[in-house]
Amino acid sequence: MTAPAVPASVVIAVNDRPEGVAALHWGLKRARRLQTSAVLVASTGDTPSAPVHLSSATRELIATAAEGVDHVLHEQPEDVAQTLITLSEDADMVVLPVRRRSVTMKFLLGSNAMRVIAEAHCPVVTVKSPT
């Protein structure tokens, strides 16, 4: 009888928006429960042309929220969706922040989240802002 496999990590896309903070907390809670590491990826959300950077307040939130969880932060990836897809190869799950949009806006703007959901190598959990 073999021991159950230990998950490699929980990959979490995080940004300065409320849904990014919600995804951070949800993903870190899951990493704690699984007793595994977290890989945080700075994300623009669903707007590929927006700069990828985190505010100092979000950096402080990450430091506080991730206390006790082995984690690494990938900052300013060139292609956020591809980074998440690549990291998903060795992950237990990917956690994505998503915001509420109308069907028309989803069609017009496209979505990094849709790409990650379609191409990830592990389960993907989407997290909306609680408000």
Protein backbone atom coordinates (compact mmCIF):
# COMPACT_ATOMS: atom_id res chain seq x y z
CA MET A 1 0.00 0.00 0.00
CA THR A 2 1.44 3.39 -0.99
CA ALA A 3 1.07 6.65 0.90
CA PRO A 4 -1.22 9.25 -0.65
CA ALA A 5 0.55 11.77 -2.85
CA VAL A 6 1.19 15.17 -1.31
CA PRO A 7 -0.05 18.01 -3.54
CA ALA A 8 2.73 20.04 -5.12
CA SER A 9 1.23 23.45 -4.52
CA VAL A 10 -1.74 25.75 -4.81
CA VAL A 11 -1.20 28.35 -7.55
CA ILE A 12 -2.99 31.62 -6.84
CA ALA A 13 -3.42 34.56 -9.22
CA VAL A 14 -3.57 37.71 -7.13
CA ASN A 15 -4.24 41.36 -7.93
CA ASP A 16 -5.21 44.58 -6.17
CA ARG A 17 -8.93 44.18 -6.85
CA PRO A 18 -11.39 42.78 -4.26
CA GLU A 19 -11.69 39.47 -6.14
CA GLY A 20 -7.89 39.17 -6.13
CA VAL A 21 -7.83 39.54 -2.36
CA ALA A 22 -10.67 37.00 -2.03
CA ALA A 23 -8.76 34.53 -4.22
CA LEU A 24 -5.62 35.07 -2.12
CA HIS A 25 -7.43 34.26 1.12
CA TRP A 26 -9.28 31.26 -0.36
CA GLY A 27 -6.13 29.81 -1.92
CA LEU A 28 -4.01 30.27 1.20
CA LYS A 29 -6.72 28.64 3.32
CA ARG A 30 -6.67 25.68 0.93
CA ALA A 31 -2.85 25.49 1.02
CA ARG A 32 -2.95 25.40 4.82
CA ARG A 33 -5.59 22.67 4.78
CA LEU A 34 -3.53 20.59 2.32
CA GLN A 35 -0.30 21.41 4.18
CA THR A 36 1.37 22.44 0.95
CA SER A 37 3.04 25.49 -0.52
CA ALA A 38 1.47 28.38 -2.41
CA VAL A 39 2.71 29.94 -5.63
CA LEU A 40 1.37 33.47 -6.04
CA VAL A 41 1.30 35.09 -9.47
CA ALA A 42 0.77 38.84 -9.87
CA SER A 43 -2.13 39.21 -12.25
CA THR A 44 -3.76 42.04 -14.17
CA GLY A 45 -7.15 40.43 -13.98
CA ASP A 46 -8.81 40.04 -17.37
CA THR A 47 -7.21 43.06 -19.02
CA PRO A 48 -4.06 41.92 -20.83
CA SER A 49 -2.91 45.49 -21.60
CA ALA A 50 -2.94 46.61 -17.94
CA PRO A 51 0.41 46.78 -16.16
CA VAL A 52 1.18 43.85 -13.87
CA HIS A 53 2.15 45.22 -10.51
CA LEU A 54 0.92 44.97 -6.96
CA SER A 55 0.40 47.92 -4.65
CA SER A 56 2.38 48.14 -1.44
CA ALA A 57 -0.88 47.53 0.46
CA THR A 58 -1.42 44.25 -1.42
CA ARG A 59 2.20 43.24 -0.79
CA GLU A 60 1.68 43.82 2.93
CA LEU A 61 -1.58 41.87 2.80
CA ILE A 62 0.23 38.96 1.13
CA ALA A 63 2.98 38.98 3.77
CA THR A 64 0.42 38.94 6.57
CA ALA A 65 -2.07 36.50 5.02
CA ALA A 66 0.61 34.02 3.90
CA GLU A 67 2.24 33.82 7.32
CA GLY A 68 2.93 30.17 8.07
CA VAL A 69 2.55 29.07 4.45
CA ASP A 70 5.64 28.35 2.37
CA HIS A 71 5.12 30.61 -0.64
CA VAL A 72 6.79 32.33 -3.55
CA LEU A 73 5.59 35.37 -5.51
CA HIS A 74 6.04 35.56 -9.29
CA GLU A 75 5.98 39.24 -10.18
CA GLN A 76 5.42 40.86 -13.55
CA PRO A 77 5.13 37.76 -15.73
CA GLU A 78 5.10 38.58 -19.43
CA ASP A 79 2.09 36.38 -20.10
CA VAL A 80 0.08 35.79 -16.92
CA ALA A 81 -2.18 33.14 -18.44
CA GLN A 82 0.75 31.14 -19.81
CA THR A 83 2.59 31.40 -16.49
CA LEU A 84 -0.46 30.02 -14.66
CA ILE A 85 -0.86 27.23 -17.23
CA THR A 86 2.81 26.24 -16.94
CA LEU A 87 2.70 26.28 -13.14
CA SER A 88 -0.47 24.16 -13.22
CA GLU A 89 1.55 21.19 -14.52
CA ASP A 90 2.86 20.48 -11.00
CA ALA A 91 0.03 21.99 -8.96
CA ASP A 92 -2.88 20.60 -7.02
CA MET A 93 -5.07 23.46 -8.22
CA VAL A 94 -5.11 26.97 -9.65
CA VAL A 95 -7.15 29.68 -7.93
CA LEU A 96 -8.29 32.56 -10.15
CA PRO A 97 -9.96 35.83 -9.22
CA VAL A 98 -12.81 36.68 -11.58
CA ARG A 99 -15.09 39.68 -11.66
CA ARG A 100 -18.72 39.83 -12.60
CA ARG A 101 -19.26 40.83 -16.22
CA SER A 102 -22.12 40.83 -18.66
CA VAL A 103 -22.06 38.33 -21.52
CA THR A 104 -21.35 41.15 -23.98
CA MET A 105 -18.35 42.42 -22.01
CA LYS A 106 -16.92 38.90 -21.76
CA PHE A 107 -17.20 38.53 -25.53
CA LEU A 108 -15.69 41.94 -26.33
CA LEU A 109 -12.80 41.89 -23.87
CA GLY A 110 -11.78 38.23 -23.98
CA SER A 111 -10.50 36.58 -20.86
CA ASN A 112 -7.25 35.29 -19.42
CA ALA A 113 -9.39 33.27 -17.02
CA MET A 114 -11.09 31.42 -19.89
CA ARG A 115 -7.70 30.52 -21.35
CA VAL A 116 -6.41 29.20 -18.01
CA ILE A 117 -9.61 27.24 -17.38
CA ALA A 118 -9.38 25.65 -20.83
CA GLU A 119 -5.67 24.82 -20.78
CA ALA A 120 -4.71 24.18 -17.14
CA HIS A 121 -3.33 20.76 -16.22
CA CYS A 122 -5.18 20.62 -12.87
CA PRO A 123 -8.51 21.78 -11.44
CA VAL A 124 -9.19 25.52 -11.55
CA VAL A 125 -11.23 27.29 -8.89
CA THR A 126 -12.64 30.73 -9.65
CA VAL A 127 -13.30 33.16 -6.81
CA LYS A 128 -15.50 36.25 -7.03
CA SER A 129 -15.48 39.19 -4.65
CA PRO A 130 -17.89 38.65 -1.76
CA THR A 131 -19.54 42.00 -2.49
